[in-house]
Amino acid sequence: MSKPPADFDLVFKALADATRRELLDRLHAENGQTLGQLCQGLATTRQAITKHLGVLEQVNLVVTVWHGREKLHYLNPVPIDQIARRWVHKFEAGRVRLLNDLKEQLEQEES
């Protein structure tokens, strides 16, 4: 099995922080938000949010686009999908197969 790219380590580190995960959840719910919108309701300073967004941008989880004077932040789901393909899917495949086998067995017993 090949070793995962070193970038995965940086993505995992970025995702380890609860505030950064909250920012990603907010962008997932409503993509294309300004810094001000993302700061609303968070008990964190604007400067701290800016730093968190910087970390997310560095690992390509957030992409920014200038729209006039506004800097809009967008979720980039590709790194999360890569992690899911590399780490999550291989561990869940066996469980899904077992659940499917159980379902088929129960259906046969009912017949």
PDB file of N, CA and C in Angstrom:
ATOM      1  N   MET A   1       0.854  -1.171   0.000  1.00  0.00           N
ATOM      2  CA  MET A   1       0.000   0.000   0.000  1.00  0.00           C
ATOM      3  C   MET A   1       0.899   1.233   0.000  1.00  0.00           C
ATOM      4  N   SER A   2       0.547   2.207  -0.822  1.00  0.00           N
ATOM      5  CA  SER A   2       1.364   3.405  -0.916  1.00  0.00           C
ATOM      6  C   SER A   2       1.095   4.335   0.256  1.00  0.00           C
ATOM      7  N   LYS A   3       2.096   5.119   0.575  1.00  0.00           N
ATOM      8  CA  LYS A   3       1.996   6.076   1.673  1.00  0.00           C
ATOM      9  C   LYS A   3       1.182   7.282   1.217  1.00  0.00           C
ATOM     10  N   PRO A   4       0.271   7.786   2.088  1.00  0.00           N
ATOM     11  CA  PRO A   4      -0.534   8.954   1.695  1.00  0.00           C
ATOM     12  C   PRO A   4       0.339  10.183   1.552  1.00  0.00           C
ATOM     13  N   PRO A   5      -0.089  11.131   0.739  1.00  0.00           N
ATOM     14  CA  PRO A   5       0.692  12.357   0.573  1.00  0.00           C
ATOM     15  C   PRO A   5       0.855  13.095   1.889  1.00  0.00           C
ATOM     16  N   ALA A   6       1.963  13.808   2.053  1.00  0.00           N
ATOM     17  CA  ALA A   6       2.227  14.575   3.259  1.00  0.00           C
ATOM     18  C   ALA A   6       1.154  15.630   3.479  1.00  0.00           C
ATOM     19  N   ASP A   7       0.511  16.075   2.392  1.00  0.00           N
ATOM     20  CA  ASP A   7      -0.547  17.073   2.508  1.00  0.00           C
ATOM     21  C   ASP A   7      -1.687  16.576   3.391  1.00  0.00           C
ATOM     22  N   PHE A   8      -1.915  15.267   3.414  1.00  0.00           N
ATOM     23  CA  PHE A   8      -2.962  14.724   4.272  1.00  0.00           C
ATOM     24  C   PHE A   8      -2.705  15.097   5.725  1.00  0.00           C
ATOM     25  N   ASP A   9      -1.445  15.054   6.140  1.00  0.00           N
ATOM     26  CA  ASP A   9      -1.109  15.415   7.516  1.00  0.00           C
ATOM     27  C   ASP A   9      -1.557  16.840   7.822  1.00  0.00           C
ATOM     28  N   LEU A  10      -1.331  17.743   6.894  1.00  0.00           N
ATOM     29  CA  LEU A  10      -1.716  19.139   7.098  1.00  0.00           C
ATOM     30  C   LEU A  10      -3.230  19.307   7.118  1.00  0.00           C
ATOM     31  N   VAL A  11      -3.920  18.550   6.275  1.00  0.00           N
ATOM     32  CA  VAL A  11      -5.385  18.614   6.260  1.00  0.00           C
ATOM     33  C   VAL A  11      -5.936  18.075   7.578  1.00  0.00           C
ATOM     34  N   PHE A  12      -5.401  16.953   8.055  1.00  0.00           N
ATOM     35  CA  PHE A  12      -5.846  16.404   9.340  1.00  0.00           C
ATOM     36  C   PHE A  12      -5.597  17.402  10.473  1.00  0.00           C
ATOM     37  N   LYS A  13      -4.446  18.054  10.447  1.00  0.00           N
ATOM     38  CA  LYS A  13      -4.149  19.052  11.484  1.00  0.00           C
ATOM     39  C   LYS A  13      -5.128  20.221  11.413  1.00  0.00           C
ATOM     40  N   ALA A  14      -5.452  20.639  10.213  1.00  0.00           N
ATOM     41  CA  ALA A  14      -6.404  21.737  10.057  1.00  0.00           C
ATOM     42  C   ALA A  14      -7.785  21.325  10.566  1.00  0.00           C
ATOM     43  N   LEU A  15      -8.181  20.092  10.294  1.00  0.00           N
ATOM     44  CA  LEU A  15      -9.488  19.601  10.715  1.00  0.00           C
ATOM     45  C   LEU A  15      -9.557  19.283  12.209  1.00  0.00           C
ATOM     46  N   ALA A  16      -8.405  19.209  12.863  1.00  0.00           N
ATOM     47  CA  ALA A  16      -8.375  18.876  14.286  1.00  0.00           C
ATOM     48  C   ALA A  16      -8.923  19.998  15.164  1.00  0.00           C
ATOM     49  N   ASP A  17      -9.007  21.205  14.626  1.00  0.00           N
ATOM     50  CA  ASP A  17      -9.457  22.349  15.411  1.00  0.00           C
ATOM     51  C   ASP A  17     -10.972  22.540  15.272  1.00  0.00           C
ATOM     52  N   ALA A  18     -11.661  22.649  16.410  1.00  0.00           N
ATOM     53  CA  ALA A  18     -13.132  22.766  16.412  1.00  0.00           C
ATOM     54  C   ALA A  18     -13.617  24.037  15.715  1.00  0.00           C
ATOM     55  N   THR A  19     -12.893  25.137  15.875  1.00  0.00           N
ATOM     56  CA  THR A  19     -13.309  26.387  15.229  1.00  0.00           C
ATOM     57  C   THR A  19     -13.212  26.266  13.717  1.00  0.00           C
ATOM     58  N   ARG A  20     -12.165  25.641  13.227  1.00  0.00           N
ATOM     59  CA  ARG A  20     -12.026  25.474  11.782  1.00  0.00           C
ATOM     60  C   ARG A  20     -13.105  24.545  11.232  1.00  0.00           C
ATOM     61  N   ARG A  21     -13.445  23.496  11.994  1.00  0.00           N
ATOM     62  CA  ARG A  21     -14.534  22.620  11.551  1.00  0.00           C
ATOM     63  C   ARG A  21     -15.850  23.391  11.523  1.00  0.00           C
ATOM     64  N   GLU A  22     -16.068  24.258  12.493  1.00  0.00           N
ATOM     65  CA  GLU A  22     -17.281  25.082  12.511  1.00  0.00           C
ATOM     66  C   GLU A  22     -17.333  25.991  11.286  1.00  0.00           C
ATOM     67  N   LEU A  23     -16.202  26.579  10.924  1.00  0.00           N
ATOM     68  CA  LEU A  23     -16.161  27.432   9.733  1.00  0.00           C
ATOM     69  C   LEU A  23     -16.491  26.630   8.475  1.00  0.00           C
ATOM     70  N   LEU A  24     -15.965  25.425   8.382  1.00  0.00           N
ATOM     71  CA  LEU A  24     -16.273  24.570   7.231  1.00  0.00           C
ATOM     72  C   LEU A  24     -17.753  24.196   7.219  1.00  0.00           C
ATOM     73  N   ASP A  25     -18.311  23.910   8.391  1.00  0.00           N
ATOM     74  CA  ASP A  25     -19.746  23.602   8.458  1.00  0.00           C
ATOM     75  C   ASP A  25     -20.573  24.792   8.000  1.00  0.00           C
ATOM     76  N   ARG A  26     -20.173  25.988   8.400  1.00  0.00           N
ATOM     77  CA  ARG A  26     -20.903  27.190   7.993  1.00  0.00           C
ATOM     78  C   ARG A  26     -20.811  27.407   6.487  1.00  0.00           C
ATOM     79  N   LEU A  27     -19.639  27.153   5.914  1.00  0.00           N
ATOM     80  CA  LEU A  27     -19.494  27.306   4.469  1.00  0.00           C
ATOM     81  C   LEU A  27     -20.260  26.213   3.727  1.00  0.00           C
ATOM     82  N   HIS A  28     -20.338  25.049   4.315  1.00  0.00           N
ATOM     83  CA  HIS A  28     -21.120  23.983   3.696  1.00  0.00           C
ATOM     84  C   HIS A  28     -22.596  24.369   3.666  1.00  0.00           C
ATOM     85  N   ALA A  29     -23.069  24.979   4.742  1.00  0.00           N
ATOM     86  CA  ALA A  29     -24.475  25.390   4.821  1.00  0.00           C
ATOM     87  C   ALA A  29     -24.779  26.552   3.886  1.00  0.00           C
ATOM     88  N   GLU A  30     -23.817  27.478   3.778  1.00  0.00           N
ATOM     89  CA  GLU A  30     -23.996  28.644   2.910  1.00  0.00           C
ATOM     90  C   GLU A  30     -22.632  29.056   2.372  1.00  0.00           C
ATOM     91  N   ASN A  31     -22.350  28.648   1.169  1.00  0.00           N
ATOM     92  CA  ASN A  31     -21.050  28.914   0.554  1.00  0.00           C
ATOM     93  C   ASN A  31     -20.955  30.378   0.118  1.00  0.00           C
ATOM     94  N   GLY A  32     -19.734  30.906   0.058  1.00  0.00           N
ATOM     95  CA  GLY A  32     -19.520  32.253  -0.441  1.00  0.00           C
ATOM     96  C   GLY A  32     -19.783  33.333   0.592  1.00  0.00           C
ATOM     97  N   GLN A  33     -19.293  33.142   1.807  1.00  0.00           N
ATOM     98  CA  GLN A  33     -19.516  34.113   2.879  1.00  0.00           C
ATOM     99  C   GLN A  33     -18.304  35.028   3.051  1.00  0.00           C
ATOM    100  N   THR A  34     -18.597  36.227   3.543  1.00  0.00           N
ATOM    101  CA  THR A  34     -17.531  37.172   3.880  1.00  0.00           C
ATOM    102  C   THR A  34     -17.001  36.836   5.272  1.00  0.00           C
ATOM    103  N   LEU A  35     -15.890  37.460   5.621  1.00  0.00           N
ATOM    104  CA  LEU A  35     -15.326  37.288   6.954  1.00  0.00           C
ATOM    105  C   LEU A  35     -16.330  37.715   8.016  1.00  0.00           C
ATOM    106  N   GLY A  36     -16.978  38.842   7.790  1.00  0.00           N
ATOM    107  CA  GLY A  36     -17.968  39.328   8.746  1.00  0.00           C
ATOM    108  C   GLY A  36     -19.096  38.341   8.971  1.00  0.00           C
ATOM    109  N   GLN A  37     -19.578  37.738   7.897  1.00  0.00           N
ATOM    110  CA  GLN A  37     -20.647  36.749   8.024  1.00  0.00           C
ATOM    111  C   GLN A  37     -20.174  35.527   8.804  1.00  0.00           C
ATOM    112  N   LEU A  38     -18.953  35.099   8.529  1.00  0.00           N
ATOM    113  CA  LEU A  38     -18.420  33.919   9.207  1.00  0.00           C
ATOM    114  C   LEU A  38     -18.170  34.179  10.695  1.00  0.00           C
ATOM    115  N   CYS A  39     -17.896  35.415  11.058  1.00  0.00           N
ATOM    116  CA  CYS A  39     -17.627  35.767  12.459  1.00  0.00           C
ATOM    117  C   CYS A  39     -18.897  35.841  13.301  1.00  0.00           C
ATOM    118  N   GLN A  40     -20.025  36.061  12.662  1.00  0.00           N
ATOM    119  CA  GLN A  40     -21.279  36.231  13.398  1.00  0.00           C
ATOM    120  C   GLN A  40     -21.597  35.012  14.253  1.00  0.00           C
ATOM    121  N   GLY A  41     -21.849  35.288  15.527  1.00  0.00           N
ATOM    122  CA  GLY A  41     -22.243  34.226  16.441  1.00  0.00           C
ATOM    123  C   GLY A  41     -21.111  33.396  17.003  1.00  0.00           C
ATOM    124  N   LEU A  42     -19.895  33.663  16.605  1.00  0.00           N
ATOM    125  CA  LEU A  42     -18.758  32.919  17.150  1.00  0.00           C
ATOM    126  C   LEU A  42     -18.127  33.704  18.297  1.00  0.00           C
ATOM    127  N   ALA A  43     -17.751  33.017  19.351  1.00  0.00           N
ATOM    128  CA  ALA A  43     -17.120  33.650  20.502  1.00  0.00           C
ATOM    129  C   ALA A  43     -15.609  33.711  20.298  1.00  0.00           C
ATOM    130  N   THR A  44     -15.203  34.146  19.125  1.00  0.00           N
ATOM    131  CA  THR A  44     -13.794  34.236  18.751  1.00  0.00           C
ATOM    132  C   THR A  44     -13.583  35.582  18.071  1.00  0.00           C
ATOM    133  N   THR A  45     -12.388  36.138  18.230  1.00  0.00           N
ATOM    134  CA  THR A  45     -12.117  37.438  17.631  1.00  0.00           C
ATOM    135  C   THR A  45     -12.021  37.324  16.114  1.00  0.00           C
ATOM    136  N   ARG A  46     -12.235  38.438  15.465  1.00  0.00           N
ATOM    137  CA  ARG A  46     -12.125  38.519  14.009  1.00  0.00           C
ATOM    138  C   ARG A  46     -10.718  38.125  13.555  1.00  0.00           C
ATOM    139  N   GLN A  47      -9.715  38.553  14.332  1.00  0.00           N
ATOM    140  CA  GLN A  47      -8.324  38.209  13.996  1.00  0.00           C
ATOM    141  C   GLN A  47      -8.090  36.706  14.071  1.00  0.00           C
ATOM    142  N   ALA A  48      -8.676  36.057  15.076  1.00  0.00           N
ATOM    143  CA  ALA A  48      -8.505  34.608  15.211  1.00  0.00           C
ATOM    144  C   ALA A  48      -9.181  33.880  14.046  1.00  0.00           C
ATOM    145  N   ILE A  49     -10.369  34.352  13.665  1.00  0.00           N
ATOM    146  CA  ILE A  49     -11.072  33.734  12.533  1.00  0.00           C
ATOM    147  C   ILE A  49     -10.256  33.894  11.256  1.00  0.00           C
ATOM    148  N   THR A  50      -9.651  35.069  11.089  1.00  0.00           N
ATOM    149  CA  THR A  50      -8.796  35.308   9.921  1.00  0.00           C
ATOM    150  C   THR A  50      -7.646  34.311   9.890  1.00  0.00           C
ATOM    151  N   LYS A  51      -7.039  34.047  11.036  1.00  0.00           N
ATOM    152  CA  LYS A  51      -5.936  33.077  11.101  1.00  0.00           C
ATOM    153  C   LYS A  51      -6.436  31.669  10.786  1.00  0.00           C
ATOM    154  N   HIS A  52      -7.590  31.316  11.329  1.00  0.00           N
ATOM    155  CA  HIS A  52      -8.156  29.987  11.041  1.00  0.00           C
ATOM    156  C   HIS A  52      -8.444  29.834   9.551  1.00  0.00           C
ATOM    157  N   LEU A  53      -9.014  30.870   8.955  1.00  0.00           N
ATOM    158  CA  LEU A  53      -9.282  30.817   7.510  1.00  0.00           C
ATOM    159  C   LEU A  53      -7.983  30.700   6.720  1.00  0.00           C
ATOM    160  N   GLY A  54      -6.930  31.343   7.193  1.00  0.00           N
ATOM    161  CA  GLY A  54      -5.628  31.235   6.539  1.00  0.00           C
ATOM    162  C   GLY A  54      -5.112  29.801   6.533  1.00  0.00           C
ATOM    163  N   VAL A  55      -5.279  29.123   7.665  1.00  0.00           N
ATOM    164  CA  VAL A  55      -4.869  27.709   7.748  1.00  0.00           C
ATOM    165  C   VAL A  55      -5.687  26.869   6.767  1.00  0.00           C
ATOM    166  N   LEU A  56      -6.995  27.114   6.735  1.00  0.00           N
ATOM    167  CA  LEU A  56      -7.861  26.357   5.822  1.00  0.00           C
ATOM    168  C   LEU A  56      -7.529  26.637   4.360  1.00  0.00           C
ATOM    169  N   GLU A  57      -7.143  27.864   4.061  1.00  0.00           N
ATOM    170  CA  GLU A  57      -6.731  28.202   2.690  1.00  0.00           C
ATOM    171  C   GLU A  57      -5.424  27.506   2.329  1.00  0.00           C
ATOM    172  N   GLN A  58      -4.487  27.454   3.275  1.00  0.00           N
ATOM    173  CA  GLN A  58      -3.189  26.829   3.010  1.00  0.00           C
ATOM    174  C   GLN A  58      -3.320  25.361   2.624  1.00  0.00           C
ATOM    175  N   VAL A  59      -4.302  24.684   3.210  1.00  0.00           N
ATOM    176  CA  VAL A  59      -4.484  23.262   2.898  1.00  0.00           C
ATOM    177  C   VAL A  59      -5.569  23.051   1.849  1.00  0.00           C
ATOM    178  N   ASN A  60      -6.017  24.148   1.236  1.00  0.00           N
ATOM    179  CA  ASN A  60      -6.948  24.125   0.110  1.00  0.00           C
ATOM    180  C   ASN A  60      -8.362  23.661   0.478  1.00  0.00           C
ATOM    181  N   LEU A  61      -8.730  23.795   1.764  1.00  0.00           N
ATOM    182  CA  LEU A  61     -10.092  23.478   2.164  1.00  0.00           C
ATOM    183  C   LEU A  61     -11.021  24.665   1.938  1.00  0.00           C
ATOM    184  N   VAL A  62     -10.442  25.851   1.869  1.00  0.00           N
ATOM    185  CA  VAL A  62     -11.200  27.070   1.597  1.00  0.00           C
ATOM    186  C   VAL A  62     -10.515  27.813   0.466  1.00  0.00           C
ATOM    187  N   VAL A  63     -11.326  28.307  -0.452  1.00  0.00           N
ATOM    188  CA  VAL A  63     -10.846  29.103  -1.582  1.00  0.00           C
ATOM    189  C   VAL A  63     -11.540  30.454  -1.490  1.00  0.00           C
ATOM    190  N   THR A  64     -10.789  31.523  -1.771  1.00  0.00           N
ATOM    191  CA  THR A  64     -11.380  32.856  -1.712  1.00  0.00           C
ATOM    192  C   THR A  64     -11.451  33.479  -3.095  1.00  0.00           C
ATOM    193  N   VAL A  65     -12.479  34.287  -3.262  1.00  0.00           N
ATOM    194  CA  VAL A  65     -12.695  34.998  -4.519  1.00  0.00           C
ATOM    195  C   VAL A  65     -13.104  36.422  -4.166  1.00  0.00           C
ATOM    196  N   TRP A  66     -12.463  37.383  -4.820  1.00  0.00           N
ATOM    197  CA  TRP A  66     -12.848  38.775  -4.608  1.00  0.00           C
ATOM    198  C   TRP A  66     -14.026  39.089  -5.504  1.00  0.00           C
ATOM    199  N   HIS A  67     -15.055  39.673  -4.906  1.00  0.00           N
ATOM    200  CA  HIS A  67     -16.245  40.112  -5.642  1.00  0.00           C
ATOM    201  C   HIS A  67     -16.399  41.586  -5.306  1.00  0.00           C
ATOM    202  N   GLY A  68     -15.833  42.431  -6.149  1.00  0.00           N
ATOM    203  CA  GLY A  68     -15.787  43.859  -5.833  1.00  0.00           C
ATOM    204  C   GLY A  68     -14.872  44.075  -4.638  1.00  0.00           C
ATOM    205  N   ARG A  69     -15.416  44.661  -3.597  1.00  0.00           N
ATOM    206  CA  ARG A  69     -14.635  44.915  -2.382  1.00  0.00           C
ATOM    207  C   ARG A  69     -14.724  43.773  -1.376  1.00  0.00           C
ATOM    208  N   GLU A  70     -15.591  42.820  -1.657  1.00  0.00           N
ATOM    209  CA  GLU A  70     -15.806  41.718  -0.727  1.00  0.00           C
ATOM    210  C   GLU A  70     -14.940  40.517  -1.083  1.00  0.00           C
ATOM    211  N   LYS A  71     -14.376  39.928  -0.051  1.00  0.00           N
ATOM    212  CA  LYS A  71     -13.630  38.684  -0.207  1.00  0.00           C
ATOM    213  C   LYS A  71     -14.551  37.556   0.258  1.00  0.00           C
ATOM    214  N   LEU A  72     -14.944  36.718  -0.679  1.00  0.00           N
ATOM    215  CA  LEU A  72     -15.863  35.636  -0.381  1.00  0.00           C
ATOM    216  C   LEU A  72     -15.095  34.335  -0.174  1.00  0.00           C
ATOM    217  N   HIS A  73     -15.525  33.574   0.809  1.00  0.00           N
ATOM    218  CA  HIS A  73     -14.884  32.306   1.158  1.00  0.00           C
ATOM    219  C   HIS A  73     -15.777  31.154   0.725  1.00  0.00           C
ATOM    220  N   TYR A  74     -15.167  30.185   0.057  1.00  0.00           N
ATOM    221  CA  TYR A  74     -15.895  29.026  -0.457  1.00  0.00           C
ATOM    222  C   TYR A  74     -15.245  27.741   0.043  1.00  0.00           C
ATOM    223  N   LEU A  75     -16.079  26.778   0.344  1.00  0.00           N
ATOM    224  CA  LEU A  75     -15.608  25.460   0.748  1.00  0.00           C
ATOM    225  C   LEU A  75     -15.092  24.714  -0.476  1.00  0.00           C
ATOM    226  N   ASN A  76     -13.931  24.100  -0.348  1.00  0.00           N
ATOM    227  CA  ASN A  76     -13.405  23.209  -1.381  1.00  0.00           C
ATOM    228  C   ASN A  76     -13.438  21.797  -0.793  1.00  0.00           C
ATOM    229  N   PRO A  77     -14.391  20.970  -1.200  1.00  0.00           N
ATOM    230  CA  PRO A  77     -14.533  19.645  -0.592  1.00  0.00           C
ATOM    231  C   PRO A  77     -13.541  18.595  -1.095  1.00  0.00           C
ATOM    232  N   VAL A  78     -12.719  18.931  -2.063  1.00  0.00           N
ATOM    233  CA  VAL A  78     -11.832  17.931  -2.663  1.00  0.00           C
ATOM    234  C   VAL A  78     -10.882  17.290  -1.639  1.00  0.00           C
ATOM    235  N   PRO A  79     -10.172  18.052  -0.793  1.00  0.00           N
ATOM    236  CA  PRO A  79      -9.285  17.385   0.171  1.00  0.00           C
ATOM    237  C   PRO A  79     -10.034  16.445   1.123  1.00  0.00           C
ATOM    238  N   ILE A  80     -11.257  16.806   1.520  1.00  0.00           N
ATOM    239  CA  ILE A  80     -12.033  15.937   2.403  1.00  0.00           C
ATOM    240  C   ILE A  80     -12.438  14.670   1.652  1.00  0.00           C
ATOM    241  N   ASP A  81     -12.809  14.807   0.387  1.00  0.00           N
ATOM    242  CA  ASP A  81     -13.138  13.642  -0.424  1.00  0.00           C
ATOM    243  C   ASP A  81     -11.927  12.727  -0.578  1.00  0.00           C
ATOM    244  N   GLN A  82     -10.755  13.308  -0.763  1.00  0.00           N
ATOM    245  CA  GLN A  82      -9.541  12.501  -0.888  1.00  0.00           C
ATOM    246  C   GLN A  82      -9.273  11.717   0.397  1.00  0.00           C
ATOM    247  N   ILE A  83      -9.499  12.359   1.535  1.00  0.00           N
ATOM    248  CA  ILE A  83      -9.330  11.664   2.815  1.00  0.00           C
ATOM    249  C   ILE A  83     -10.360  10.546   2.937  1.00  0.00           C
ATOM    250  N   ALA A  84     -11.586  10.843   2.564  1.00  0.00           N
ATOM    251  CA  ALA A  84     -12.634   9.822   2.644  1.00  0.00           C
ATOM    252  C   ALA A  84     -12.285   8.620   1.775  1.00  0.00           C
ATOM    253  N   ARG A  85     -11.828   8.882   0.565  1.00  0.00           N
ATOM    254  CA  ARG A  85     -11.462   7.779  -0.338  1.00  0.00           C
ATOM    255  C   ARG A  85     -10.279   6.986   0.207  1.00  0.00           C
ATOM    256  N   ARG A  86      -9.306   7.689   0.764  1.00  0.00           N
ATOM    257  CA  ARG A  86      -8.080   7.029   1.234  1.00  0.00           C
ATOM    258  C   ARG A  86      -8.279   6.302   2.565  1.00  0.00           C
ATOM    259  N   TRP A  87      -9.028   6.915   3.485  1.00  0.00           N
ATOM    260  CA  TRP A  87      -9.095   6.385   4.838  1.00  0.00           C
ATOM    261  C   TRP A  87     -10.452   5.829   5.231  1.00  0.00           C
ATOM    262  N   VAL A  88     -11.525   6.504   4.901  1.00  0.00           N
ATOM    263  CA  VAL A  88     -12.834   6.113   5.421  1.00  0.00           C
ATOM    264  C   VAL A  88     -13.432   4.963   4.633  1.00  0.00           C
ATOM    265  N   HIS A  89     -13.483   5.087   3.333  1.00  0.00           N
ATOM    266  CA  HIS A  89     -14.164   4.084   2.511  1.00  0.00           C
ATOM    267  C   HIS A  89     -13.594   2.687   2.686  1.00  0.00           C
ATOM    268  N   LYS A  90     -12.283   2.569   2.812  1.00  0.00           N
ATOM    269  CA  LYS A  90     -11.713   1.231   2.931  1.00  0.00           C
ATOM    270  C   LYS A  90     -12.098   0.575   4.257  1.00  0.00           C
ATOM    271  N   PHE A  91     -12.342   1.380   5.290  1.00  0.00           N
ATOM    272  CA  PHE A  91     -12.718   0.811   6.577  1.00  0.00           C
ATOM    273  C   PHE A  91     -14.209   0.507   6.651  1.00  0.00           C
ATOM    274  N   GLU A  92     -15.024   1.209   5.891  1.00  0.00           N
ATOM    275  CA  GLU A  92     -16.464   0.972   5.955  1.00  0.00           C
ATOM    276  C   GLU A  92     -16.924  -0.103   4.981  1.00  0.00           C
ATOM    277  N   ALA A  93     -16.124  -0.451   4.007  1.00  0.00           N
ATOM    278  CA  ALA A  93     -16.538  -1.428   2.995  1.00  0.00           C
ATOM    279  C   ALA A  93     -16.908  -2.771   3.628  1.00  0.00           C
ATOM    280  N   GLY A  94     -16.135  -3.228   4.580  1.00  0.00           N
ATOM    281  CA  GLY A  94     -16.422  -4.499   5.243  1.00  0.00           C
ATOM    282  C   GLY A  94     -17.725  -4.456   6.009  1.00  0.00           C
ATOM    283  N   ARG A  95     -17.980  -3.339   6.680  1.00  0.00           N
ATOM    284  CA  ARG A  95     -19.226  -3.197   7.440  1.00  0.00           C
ATOM    285  C   ARG A  95     -20.442  -3.188   6.513  1.00  0.00           C
ATOM    286  N   VAL A  96     -20.326  -2.489   5.427  1.00  0.00           N
ATOM    287  CA  VAL A  96     -21.435  -2.428   4.475  1.00  0.00           C
ATOM    288  C   VAL A  96     -21.717  -3.814   3.922  1.00  0.00           C
ATOM    289  N   ARG A  97     -20.676  -4.540   3.615  1.00  0.00           N
ATOM    290  CA  ARG A  97     -20.829  -5.909   3.095  1.00  0.00           C
ATOM    291  C   ARG A  97     -21.523  -6.791   4.134  1.00  0.00           C
ATOM    292  N   LEU A  98     -21.110  -6.671   5.407  1.00  0.00           N
ATOM    293  CA  LEU A  98     -21.734  -7.467   6.470  1.00  0.00           C
ATOM    294  C   LEU A  98     -23.202  -7.112   6.651  1.00  0.00           C
ATOM    295  N   LEU A  99     -23.531  -5.829   6.622  1.00  0.00           N
ATOM    296  CA  LEU A  99     -24.921  -5.401   6.749  1.00  0.00           C
ATOM    297  C   LEU A  99     -25.765  -5.919   5.587  1.00  0.00           C
ATOM    298  N   ASN A 100     -25.201  -5.893   4.399  1.00  0.00           N
ATOM    299  CA  ASN A 100     -25.909  -6.399   3.233  1.00  0.00           C
ATOM    300  C   ASN A 100     -26.134  -7.907   3.358  1.00  0.00           C
ATOM    301  N   ASP A 101     -25.119  -8.639   3.809  1.00  0.00           N
ATOM    302  CA  ASP A 101     -25.262 -10.084   4.012  1.00  0.00           C
ATOM    303  C   ASP A 101     -26.332 -10.385   5.058  1.00  0.00           C
ATOM    304  N   LEU A 102     -26.350  -9.604   6.158  1.00  0.00           N
ATOM    305  CA  LEU A 102     -27.342  -9.783   7.204  1.00  0.00           C
ATOM    306  C   LEU A 102     -28.746  -9.520   6.669  1.00  0.00           C
ATOM    307  N   LYS A 103     -28.889  -8.460   5.892  1.00  0.00           N
ATOM    308  CA  LYS A 103     -30.184  -8.115   5.294  1.00  0.00           C
ATOM    309  C   LYS A 103     -30.681  -9.264   4.420  1.00  0.00           C
ATOM    310  N   GLU A 104     -29.802  -9.786   3.574  1.00  0.00           N
ATOM    311  CA  GLU A 104     -30.190 -10.888   2.683  1.00  0.00           C
ATOM    312  C   GLU A 104     -30.572 -12.126   3.484  1.00  0.00           C
ATOM    313  N   GLN A 105     -29.828 -12.399   4.553  1.00  0.00           N
ATOM    314  CA  GLN A 105     -30.120 -13.562   5.396  1.00  0.00           C
ATOM    315  C   GLN A 105     -31.480 -13.413   6.075  1.00  0.00           C
ATOM    316  N   LEU A 106     -31.780 -12.252   6.591  1.00  0.00           N
ATOM    317  CA  LEU A 106     -33.062 -12.000   7.249  1.00  0.00           C
ATOM    318  C   LEU A 106     -34.208 -12.088   6.257  1.00  0.00           C
ATOM    319  N   GLU A 107     -34.004 -11.587   5.052  1.00  0.00           N
ATOM    320  CA  GLU A 107     -35.031 -11.670   4.014  1.00  0.00           C
ATOM    321  C   GLU A 107     -35.318 -13.112   3.633  1.00  0.00           C
ATOM    322  N   GLN A 108     -34.270 -13.944   3.589  1.00  0.00           N
ATOM    323  CA  GLN A 108     -34.457 -15.350   3.246  1.00  0.00           C
ATOM    324  C   GLN A 108     -35.217 -16.088   4.347  1.00  0.00           C
ATOM    325  N   GLU A 109     -34.935 -15.715   5.612  1.00  0.00           N
ATOM    326  CA  GLU A 109     -35.623 -16.358   6.736  1.00  0.00           C
ATOM    327  C   GLU A 109     -37.102 -15.997   6.762  1.00  0.00           C
ATOM    328  N   GLU A 110     -37.442 -14.797   6.300  1.00  0.00           N
ATOM    329  CA  GLU A 110     -38.844 -14.374   6.256  1.00  0.00           C
ATOM    330  C   GLU A 110     -39.614 -15.089   5.159  1.00  0.00           C
ATOM    331  N   SER A 111     -38.946 -15.512   4.105  1.00  0.00           N
ATOM    332  CA  SER A 111     -39.634 -16.133   2.955  1.00  0.00           C
ATOM    333  C   SER A 111     -40.116 -17.510   3.268  1.00  0.00           C
TER     334      SER A 111
END
